[in-house]
Amino acid sequence: MEVSKVNIVITGSVAYDYLMNFPGLFKDHILPEHIEKISLSFLVDSMEKRRGGIAPNIAYTLALFGEHPRLLAAVGEDFEDYRVWLESHGVNTHGAKVIPGVYTASFFANTDQSNAQIASFYTGAMAFASQLHLQEASDERPDLVVISPNDPEAMKQYVRECHELNLSYLYDPSQQIVRLTANELLEGINHAYALFVNEYEFALIQKMTGYSTKDILQHVKLMVVTCGENGAELYTDTALIHIPAIPPEKAAEPTGVGDAFRGGFLAAYARGLDWETCAKVGTLAATYCLEQHGTQSHQFTPAEFIQRFRQHFDDQGKLDVLLGRDKA
């Protein structure tokens, strides 16, 4: 793989998050004896609209390192401001297809003072993701495709397309594991270059498929299991390497931390670095995300990232390859 030019296509959900706060307790307004006729409206005192979705979250962190990942996703008529934001940060959105007459997928969450939450998810344009094909994302053959949570039919389709076109892909089923059958998960794993999951998802996959760690590693070259504050486990056919987490200066919010990990890992992978170093880069990228509110609020230059990285790991100068690539 040519280190100077790596074509990474990222598929997955694109969404807006609408986050509201209710200055009281939901439980004070729920009458158990009338639960079958429940009809409630809560006056909130704040609302925040955030850019979200797994595919752009991964792409955003990857672009902070000067890479230009290509997004392949179904979006709604309200996507234009999001497109401008992503393009301004180096993400190629030519593969983001606007579906007429619908909005971009949206998550609406109302949280009370006890952190109880009432939420709704509008699928919107994401339901049309299977109308998109990998050939539409780039005029050039992708070096790597990321298959992250999306409309389940689209995820299955991209697995088939990668297999038929002999494309390497990183399989990241995470939140959609429960929407896939055991055979569909096996198909995704059996042809993948790498599998990325968290520790709960790993256990769920093992239960659903009957695959052991050894079974999975007979099919993929690499498996990464993220473990929150305990770091990550990097599995290859010859080794298991524990990657410690880097403590945040101040933990703000865990949402999107796994996406940032993947973005950091891919940035190092795109520069030809070894897998252990890639995972360590992912770990620090995750910490940057954890320190901010929002999944695309963290910022750093490659030079700043390297300086902080070297406070925790000895890379023996390897990370210098992250320097020198512009974000334009």
Protein backbone atom coordinates (compact mmCIF):
# COMPACT_ATOMS: atom_id res chain seq x y z
CA MET A 1 0.00 0.00 0.00
CA GLU A 2 1.29 3.43 -0.97
CA VAL A 3 1.72 5.38 2.25
CA SER A 4 1.51 8.77 0.54
CA LYS A 5 -2.00 8.17 -0.82
CA VAL A 6 -4.51 5.90 0.86
CA ASN A 7 -8.12 5.90 -0.31
CA ILE A 8 -10.35 5.12 2.67
CA VAL A 9 -14.12 4.94 2.15
CA ILE A 10 -16.25 5.15 5.29
CA THR A 11 -19.82 3.88 5.24
CA GLY A 12 -22.30 4.24 8.08
CA SER A 13 -24.92 6.40 9.70
CA VAL A 14 -25.07 10.18 9.44
CA ALA A 15 -27.31 11.89 11.97
CA TYR A 16 -28.19 15.03 13.85
CA ASP A 17 -28.56 14.78 17.62
CA TYR A 18 -31.11 17.03 19.33
CA LEU A 19 -30.34 17.00 23.05
CA MET A 20 -32.74 18.58 25.55
CA ASN A 21 -32.77 18.98 29.32
CA PHE A 22 -35.84 18.92 31.54
CA PRO A 23 -35.36 20.78 34.87
CA GLY A 24 -37.28 18.22 36.88
CA LEU A 25 -37.91 14.50 37.22
CA PHE A 26 -39.93 12.47 34.73
CA LYS A 27 -41.06 10.09 37.47
CA ASP A 28 -42.92 12.90 39.25
CA HIS A 29 -45.28 13.19 36.30
CA ILE A 30 -45.94 9.53 35.54
CA LEU A 31 -49.10 8.08 37.08
CA PRO A 32 -48.80 4.29 37.19
CA GLU A 33 -52.55 3.82 37.54
CA HIS A 34 -53.06 5.67 34.22
CA ILE A 35 -50.06 4.34 32.36
CA GLU A 36 -52.20 2.92 29.54
CA LYS A 37 -53.44 6.47 28.78
CA ILE A 38 -50.14 8.26 29.22
CA SER A 39 -49.96 11.65 27.52
CA LEU A 40 -47.14 13.92 28.61
CA SER A 41 -45.33 16.99 27.34
CA PHE A 42 -42.22 18.36 29.02
CA LEU A 43 -41.15 22.01 28.77
CA VAL A 44 -37.37 21.92 28.43
CA ASP A 45 -35.01 24.74 29.32
CA SER A 46 -32.25 23.96 26.82
CA MET A 47 -31.70 22.26 23.49
CA GLU A 48 -28.49 21.58 21.60
CA LYS A 49 -28.20 20.39 18.03
CA ARG A 50 -25.07 18.38 17.34
CA ARG A 51 -23.56 16.76 14.30
CA GLY A 52 -23.42 13.00 14.77
CA GLY A 53 -23.50 9.64 13.07
CA ILE A 54 -20.75 7.06 13.20
CA ALA A 55 -19.38 7.51 9.68
CA PRO A 56 -18.71 11.27 9.91
CA ASN A 57 -17.46 10.89 13.48
CA ILE A 58 -14.75 8.49 12.28
CA ALA A 59 -14.03 10.61 9.22
CA TYR A 60 -13.71 13.82 11.25
CA THR A 61 -10.96 12.44 13.53
CA LEU A 62 -9.19 10.88 10.55
CA ALA A 63 -9.24 14.25 8.78
CA LEU A 64 -7.66 15.99 11.80
CA PHE A 65 -4.47 14.15 10.84
CA GLY A 66 -4.59 15.57 7.32
CA GLU A 67 -6.22 12.56 5.65
CA HIS A 68 -9.11 12.92 3.20
CA PRO A 69 -11.52 10.05 3.90
CA ARG A 70 -14.47 9.57 1.57
CA LEU A 71 -17.94 9.38 3.05
CA LEU A 72 -20.54 7.03 1.54
CA ALA A 73 -23.89 7.60 3.20
CA ALA A 74 -27.54 8.48 2.61
CA VAL A 75 -28.42 11.95 3.92
CA GLY A 76 -31.48 14.20 3.91
CA GLU A 77 -32.36 17.57 2.48
CA ASP A 78 -31.11 19.25 5.68
CA PHE A 79 -27.54 17.99 5.23
CA GLU A 80 -26.01 21.00 3.46
CA ASP A 81 -24.63 22.79 6.54
CA TYR A 82 -23.20 19.46 7.75
CA ARG A 83 -21.61 18.92 4.32
CA VAL A 84 -19.93 22.34 4.48
CA TRP A 85 -18.61 21.56 7.97
CA LEU A 86 -17.13 18.21 6.94
CA GLU A 87 -15.62 19.52 3.71
CA SER A 88 -14.01 22.41 5.60
CA HIS A 89 -12.26 19.85 7.80
CA GLY A 90 -11.00 17.71 4.94
CA VAL A 91 -13.70 15.04 4.59
CA ASN A 92 -14.72 14.21 1.02
CA THR A 93 -18.54 14.14 0.96
CA HIS A 94 -19.10 13.49 -2.76
CA GLY A 95 -20.48 10.08 -1.79
CA ALA A 96 -23.07 11.57 0.58
CA LYS A 97 -26.28 11.20 -1.44
CA VAL A 98 -29.23 13.45 -0.63
CA ILE A 99 -32.53 11.57 -0.55
CA PRO A 100 -35.31 13.93 -1.71
CA GLY A 101 -38.24 14.50 0.61
CA VAL A 102 -36.69 13.22 3.83
CA TYR A 103 -34.48 14.54 6.60
CA THR A 104 -31.13 13.25 7.75
CA ALA A 105 -31.46 10.61 10.48
CA SER A 106 -32.09 12.30 13.82
CA PHE A 107 -31.84 11.39 17.49
CA PHE A 108 -34.09 13.29 19.93
CA ALA A 109 -33.26 12.90 23.61
CA ASN A 110 -34.77 14.59 26.66
CA THR A 111 -32.84 14.09 29.90
CA ASP A 112 -34.09 14.97 33.38
CA GLN A 113 -32.18 15.92 36.52
CA SER A 114 -31.64 12.29 37.52
CA ASN A 115 -30.19 11.49 34.06
CA ALA A 116 -33.31 9.49 33.16
CA GLN A 117 -33.85 9.82 29.43
CA ILE A 118 -36.76 9.66 27.00
CA ALA A 119 -35.56 9.42 23.42
CA SER A 120 -36.66 8.78 19.85
CA PHE A 121 -34.66 7.95 16.73
CA TYR A 122 -35.84 8.97 13.28
CA THR A 123 -34.23 6.77 10.63
CA GLY A 124 -34.85 9.23 7.83
CA ALA A 125 -32.45 9.06 4.92
CA MET A 126 -30.46 6.23 6.50
CA ALA A 127 -33.25 3.84 5.47
CA PHE A 128 -32.20 4.42 1.85
CA ALA A 129 -28.50 3.63 2.35
CA SER A 130 -28.76 0.36 0.44
CA GLN A 131 -29.41 2.43 -2.72
CA LEU A 132 -25.77 3.52 -2.60
CA HIS A 133 -22.93 1.39 -3.92
CA LEU A 134 -19.21 1.40 -3.23
CA GLN A 135 -18.42 2.28 -6.84
CA GLU A 136 -20.16 5.64 -6.26
CA ALA A 137 -17.87 6.69 -3.43
CA SER A 138 -14.70 7.11 -5.45
CA ASP A 139 -13.39 7.06 -8.99
CA GLU A 140 -10.41 5.17 -7.62
CA ARG A 141 -10.37 1.71 -6.11
CA PRO A 142 -10.58 2.00 -2.29
CA ASP A 143 -7.61 0.71 -0.33
CA LEU A 144 -9.88 0.11 2.65
CA VAL A 145 -13.63 0.28 3.27
CA VAL A 146 -15.05 0.85 6.75
CA ILE A 147 -18.42 -0.85 7.27
CA SER A 148 -19.84 0.78 10.39
CA PRO A 149 -23.40 0.76 11.82
CA ASN A 150 -25.96 1.76 9.23
CA ASP A 151 -29.21 0.49 7.80
CA PRO A 152 -28.80 -3.30 8.21
CA GLU A 153 -29.57 -3.99 4.55
CA ALA A 154 -26.85 -1.55 3.51
CA MET A 155 -24.32 -3.18 5.84
CA LYS A 156 -25.03 -6.60 4.36
CA GLN A 157 -24.81 -5.17 0.85
CA TYR A 158 -21.41 -3.54 1.46
CA VAL A 159 -20.04 -6.80 2.83
CA ARG A 160 -21.13 -8.55 -0.37
CA GLU A 161 -19.76 -5.79 -2.59
CA CYS A 162 -16.39 -5.83 -0.83
CA HIS A 163 -16.20 -9.59 -1.23
CA GLU A 164 -17.20 -9.49 -4.90
CA LEU A 165 -14.78 -6.65 -5.68
CA ASN A 166 -12.00 -8.13 -3.54
CA LEU A 167 -11.82 -5.01 -1.36
CA SER A 168 -10.32 -5.00 2.12
CA TYR A 169 -12.75 -3.83 4.78
CA LEU A 170 -12.86 -3.06 8.46
CA TYR A 171 -16.01 -4.58 9.94
CA ASP A 172 -17.56 -2.58 12.77
CA PRO A 173 -21.13 -3.87 13.36
CA SER A 174 -21.46 -2.56 16.96
CA GLN A 175 -24.95 -1.14 17.61
CA GLN A 176 -26.50 -3.13 14.76
CA ILE A 177 -25.33 -6.54 15.98
CA VAL A 178 -28.79 -7.18 17.41
CA ARG A 179 -30.37 -6.43 14.02
CA LEU A 180 -28.20 -8.95 12.19
CA THR A 181 -28.56 -12.72 12.19
CA ALA A 182 -25.77 -15.05 13.21
CA ASN A 183 -25.18 -15.99 9.56
CA GLU A 184 -25.04 -12.33 8.53
CA LEU A 185 -22.48 -11.61 11.24
CA LEU A 186 -20.44 -14.62 10.17
CA GLU A 187 -20.44 -13.41 6.57
CA GLY A 188 -19.24 -9.98 7.70
CA ILE A 189 -16.47 -11.45 9.85
CA ASN A 190 -15.37 -14.24 7.52
CA HIS A 191 -14.34 -11.91 4.70
CA ALA A 192 -13.12 -8.95 6.79
CA TYR A 193 -9.59 -7.61 7.00
CA ALA A 194 -10.21 -6.42 10.57
CA LEU A 195 -12.95 -6.57 13.21
CA PHE A 196 -13.51 -3.69 15.66
CA VAL A 197 -15.88 -4.09 18.64
CA ASN A 198 -16.13 -3.17 22.30
CA GLU A 199 -15.94 -5.83 24.99
CA TYR A 200 -19.72 -6.23 25.36
CA GLU A 201 -20.18 -6.48 21.59
CA PHE A 202 -17.38 -9.04 21.46
CA ALA A 203 -19.19 -11.22 23.99
CA LEU A 204 -22.45 -10.80 22.09
CA ILE A 205 -20.86 -11.85 18.80
CA GLN A 206 -19.36 -14.92 20.45
CA LYS A 207 -22.75 -15.88 21.89
CA MET A 208 -24.63 -15.35 18.62
CA THR A 209 -22.14 -16.99 16.26
CA GLY A 210 -20.49 -19.61 18.47
CA TYR A 211 -17.13 -18.27 17.32
CA SER A 212 -14.27 -18.21 19.80
CA THR A 213 -11.43 -15.71 19.63
CA LYS A 214 -9.38 -18.34 17.81
CA ASP A 215 -12.17 -18.89 15.29
CA ILE A 216 -12.41 -15.18 14.51
CA LEU A 217 -8.65 -14.85 14.07
CA GLN A 218 -8.71 -17.62 11.48
CA HIS A 219 -10.59 -15.17 9.26
CA VAL A 220 -9.39 -11.65 10.10
CA LYS A 221 -5.83 -10.36 10.23
CA LEU A 222 -6.61 -8.11 13.14
CA MET A 223 -9.21 -7.70 15.89
CA VAL A 224 -9.45 -4.75 18.25
CA VAL A 225 -11.62 -4.90 21.35
CA THR A 226 -12.01 -1.55 23.10
CA CYS A 227 -12.49 -1.71 26.86
CA GLY A 228 -13.32 1.84 27.94
CA GLU A 229 -11.15 3.13 30.76
CA ASN A 230 -9.21 -0.16 30.65
CA GLY A 231 -7.84 0.61 27.19
CA ALA A 232 -7.99 -1.86 24.32
CA GLU A 233 -6.94 -5.37 23.40
CA LEU A 234 -5.20 -5.88 20.07
CA TYR A 235 -5.46 -9.44 18.70
CA THR A 236 -3.48 -10.92 15.84
CA ASP A 237 -2.93 -14.56 14.91
CA THR A 238 0.34 -14.49 16.85
CA ALA A 239 -0.14 -12.06 19.71
CA LEU A 240 -2.43 -10.33 22.17
CA ILE A 241 -1.29 -6.82 23.05
CA HIS A 242 -2.88 -4.70 25.77
CA ILE A 243 -3.04 -0.99 24.97
CA PRO A 244 -3.55 1.13 28.10
CA ALA A 245 -5.98 4.03 28.09
CA ILE A 246 -4.63 7.56 28.40
CA PRO A 247 -6.39 9.36 31.28
CA PRO A 248 -8.24 12.51 30.21
CA GLU A 249 -7.40 15.87 31.71
CA LYS A 250 -11.13 16.15 32.40
CA ALA A 251 -13.78 13.65 31.30
CA ALA A 252 -16.68 15.46 29.65
CA GLU A 253 -18.71 12.90 27.69
CA PRO A 254 -18.08 9.35 26.42
CA THR A 255 -20.29 9.59 23.31
CA GLY A 256 -18.24 9.09 20.14
CA VAL A 257 -15.07 7.95 21.92
CA GLY A 258 -15.03 4.64 20.04
CA ASP A 259 -15.44 6.47 16.73
CA ALA A 260 -12.49 8.71 17.56
CA PHE A 261 -10.42 5.62 18.39
CA ARG A 262 -11.15 4.22 14.94
CA GLY A 263 -10.31 7.52 13.28
CA GLY A 264 -6.96 7.69 15.05
CA PHE A 265 -6.18 4.05 14.31
CA LEU A 266 -6.94 4.56 10.61
CA ALA A 267 -4.81 7.70 10.43
CA ALA A 268 -1.78 5.76 11.65
CA TYR A 269 -2.67 2.82 9.40
CA ALA A 270 -2.80 5.16 6.41
CA ARG A 271 0.81 6.17 7.14
CA GLY A 272 1.96 2.56 7.21
CA LEU A 273 2.53 2.29 10.95
CA ASP A 274 2.46 -1.05 12.79
CA TRP A 275 -0.78 -2.15 14.42
CA GLU A 276 0.36 -1.60 18.00
CA THR A 277 1.28 2.00 17.22
CA CYS A 278 -2.02 2.42 15.36
CA ALA A 279 -3.92 1.28 18.46
CA LYS A 280 -1.96 3.66 20.67
CA VAL A 281 -2.77 6.54 18.33
CA GLY A 282 -6.42 5.47 18.50
CA THR A 283 -6.28 5.48 22.29
CA LEU A 284 -5.08 9.08 22.46
CA ALA A 285 -7.58 10.21 19.82
CA ALA A 286 -10.31 8.66 21.99
CA THR A 287 -9.06 10.62 25.00
CA TYR A 288 -9.21 13.89 23.05
CA CYS A 289 -12.86 13.13 22.25
CA LEU A 290 -13.66 12.17 25.85
CA GLU A 291 -12.45 15.58 27.02
CA GLN A 292 -15.08 17.47 24.99
CA HIS A 293 -18.86 17.61 24.72
CA GLY A 294 -19.94 16.37 21.31
CA THR A 295 -18.50 13.80 18.94
CA GLN A 296 -16.78 16.33 16.65
CA SER A 297 -15.67 18.99 19.13
CA HIS A 298 -12.12 17.81 19.79
CA GLN A 299 -9.29 19.47 17.90
CA PHE A 300 -5.53 19.05 17.59
CA THR A 301 -2.78 19.50 15.06
CA PRO A 302 -0.61 16.49 14.22
CA ALA A 303 2.32 18.20 15.99
CA GLU A 304 0.27 18.75 19.15
CA PHE A 305 -0.94 15.17 19.02
CA ILE A 306 2.58 13.79 18.71
CA GLN A 307 3.84 15.89 21.60
CA ARG A 308 1.12 14.60 23.89
CA PHE A 309 1.52 11.02 22.62
CA ARG A 310 5.19 11.03 23.59
CA GLN A 311 4.28 11.89 27.17
CA HIS A 312 2.82 8.38 27.42
CA PHE A 313 4.48 6.19 24.77
CA ASP A 314 7.92 5.88 23.21
CA ASP A 315 7.27 5.72 19.49
CA GLN A 316 10.99 5.91 18.62
CA GLY A 317 10.22 8.66 16.13
CA LYS A 318 7.63 6.68 14.18
CA LEU A 319 4.92 9.30 14.52
CA ASP A 320 6.91 11.85 12.55
CA VAL A 321 5.17 10.39 9.48
CA LEU A 322 2.00 12.11 10.71
CA LEU A 323 3.55 15.48 9.97
CA GLY A 324 3.61 17.29 6.68
CA ARG A 325 0.25 16.46 5.12
CA ASP A 326 -2.12 19.40 4.69
CA LYS A 327 -5.86 19.33 5.37
CA ALA A 328 -6.95 21.38 2.38
